[in-house]
């Protein structure tokens, strides 16, 4: 009974559920092998969120100088939404495509 160190394998079902509900954070579950994917995914989601917040502030500051501030906001919203959705889709597809044996053998890799 050595504790947590004895738990080597992971569950594919858990990984897919994490991907569905938490997106890129699913790669923390298998961080030893997926750390790079986690960083790319989380940074992309953070950039998308910052883009939304800063986009709104820039439009507010330049309200008199922009010809069509609403269009700028809508483009920012679409770009941020697509980027976030792409990161979630990537997490789900990547997790679902790995065979169950990959998760079963996780600790021995």
Protein backbone atom coordinates (compact mmCIF):
# COMPACT_ATOMS: atom_id res chain seq x y z
CA UNK A 1 0.00 0.00 0.00
CA UNK A 2 2.28 2.71 -1.25
CA UNK A 3 -0.45 5.26 -1.90
CA UNK A 4 -0.83 7.46 -4.95
CA UNK A 5 2.50 6.42 -6.45
CA UNK A 6 1.05 2.93 -7.06
CA UNK A 7 -1.67 4.34 -9.33
CA UNK A 8 -0.03 4.14 -12.72
CA UNK A 9 -2.81 3.89 -15.28
CA UNK A 10 -5.43 6.47 -16.20
CA UNK A 11 -9.01 6.14 -17.38
CA UNK A 12 -9.95 7.07 -20.94
CA UNK A 13 -13.52 7.76 -19.80
CA UNK A 14 -12.26 10.27 -17.24
CA UNK A 15 -10.02 11.91 -19.83
CA UNK A 16 -12.87 12.31 -22.35
CA UNK A 17 -15.21 13.72 -19.69
CA UNK A 18 -12.53 16.19 -18.64
CA UNK A 19 -12.10 17.21 -22.28
CA UNK A 20 -15.83 17.75 -22.73
CA UNK A 21 -16.24 19.84 -19.59
CA UNK A 22 -12.84 21.51 -19.17
CA UNK A 23 -11.36 21.62 -22.67
CA UNK A 24 -7.59 22.07 -22.69
CA UNK A 25 -7.39 21.39 -18.94
CA UNK A 26 -7.91 17.71 -19.76
CA UNK A 27 -4.21 17.52 -20.62
CA UNK A 28 -3.33 18.15 -16.98
CA UNK A 29 -4.69 14.65 -16.33
CA UNK A 30 -1.82 13.28 -18.44
CA UNK A 31 0.53 16.20 -17.93
CA UNK A 32 3.75 14.21 -18.09
CA UNK A 33 3.15 13.47 -21.79
CA UNK A 34 0.75 16.27 -22.79
CA UNK A 35 2.25 19.33 -21.10
CA UNK A 36 2.97 21.07 -24.41
CA UNK A 37 -0.60 20.60 -25.61
CA UNK A 38 -1.90 21.97 -22.33
CA UNK A 39 0.25 25.09 -22.64
CA UNK A 40 -0.80 25.76 -26.24
CA UNK A 41 -4.47 25.20 -25.41
CA UNK A 42 -4.61 27.26 -22.26
CA UNK A 43 -2.57 30.13 -23.69
CA UNK A 44 -4.87 30.24 -26.73
CA UNK A 45 -7.96 30.39 -24.52
CA UNK A 46 -6.39 33.11 -22.36
CA UNK A 47 -5.43 35.12 -25.45
CA UNK A 48 -9.00 34.79 -26.76
CA UNK A 49 -10.38 36.08 -23.44
CA UNK A 50 -7.92 38.95 -23.30
CA UNK A 51 -8.72 39.82 -26.90
CA UNK A 52 -12.39 40.14 -25.98
CA UNK A 53 -11.75 42.33 -22.93
CA UNK A 54 -9.14 44.53 -24.58
CA UNK A 55 -11.19 44.76 -27.75
CA UNK A 56 -14.07 46.18 -25.79
CA UNK A 57 -11.79 48.67 -24.03
CA UNK A 58 -10.14 49.79 -27.28
CA UNK A 59 -13.51 50.34 -28.91
CA UNK A 60 -14.64 52.37 -25.90
CA UNK A 61 -11.45 54.49 -25.98
CA UNK A 62 -11.55 55.06 -29.76
CA UNK A 63 -15.31 55.45 -30.03
CA UNK A 64 -15.11 58.76 -31.86
CA UNK A 65 -12.27 57.66 -34.17
CA UNK A 66 -13.60 54.31 -35.38
CA UNK A 67 -15.93 54.37 -38.32
CA UNK A 68 -17.80 51.25 -37.28
CA UNK A 69 -16.99 50.15 -33.74
CA UNK A 70 -19.74 47.54 -33.70
CA UNK A 71 -18.13 45.68 -36.61
CA UNK A 72 -14.76 45.60 -34.80
CA UNK A 73 -16.43 44.17 -31.71
CA UNK A 74 -18.31 41.54 -33.71
CA UNK A 75 -15.14 40.42 -35.52
CA UNK A 76 -13.33 40.16 -32.18
CA UNK A 77 -16.17 38.13 -30.74
CA UNK A 78 -16.17 35.74 -33.71
CA UNK A 79 -12.38 35.31 -33.70
CA UNK A 80 -12.31 34.69 -29.93
CA UNK A 81 -15.20 32.24 -30.15
CA UNK A 82 -13.61 30.30 -32.99
CA UNK A 83 -10.26 30.12 -31.19
CA UNK A 84 -11.83 28.89 -27.95
CA UNK A 85 -14.05 26.38 -29.77
CA UNK A 86 -11.05 25.08 -31.72
CA UNK A 87 -9.10 24.48 -28.50
CA UNK A 88 -12.04 22.60 -26.96
CA UNK A 89 -12.53 20.54 -30.12
CA UNK A 90 -8.82 19.72 -30.28
CA UNK A 91 -8.88 18.52 -26.65
CA UNK A 92 -11.93 16.32 -27.23
CA UNK A 93 -10.68 14.82 -30.50
CA UNK A 94 -7.15 14.25 -29.20
CA UNK A 95 -8.42 12.55 -26.07
CA UNK A 96 -11.04 10.44 -27.85
CA UNK A 97 -8.64 9.22 -30.57
CA UNK A 98 -6.10 7.78 -28.15
CA UNK A 99 -6.67 4.06 -27.53
CA UNK A 100 -7.67 2.94 -24.05
CA UNK A 101 -4.35 1.09 -23.82
CA UNK A 102 -2.55 4.46 -24.01
CA UNK A 103 -4.27 5.50 -20.78
CA UNK A 104 -3.86 2.06 -19.16
CA UNK A 105 -0.09 2.19 -19.78
CA UNK A 106 0.25 5.89 -18.91
CA UNK A 107 2.41 5.49 -15.79
CA UNK A 108 4.87 3.13 -17.45
CA UNK A 109 5.78 5.50 -20.31
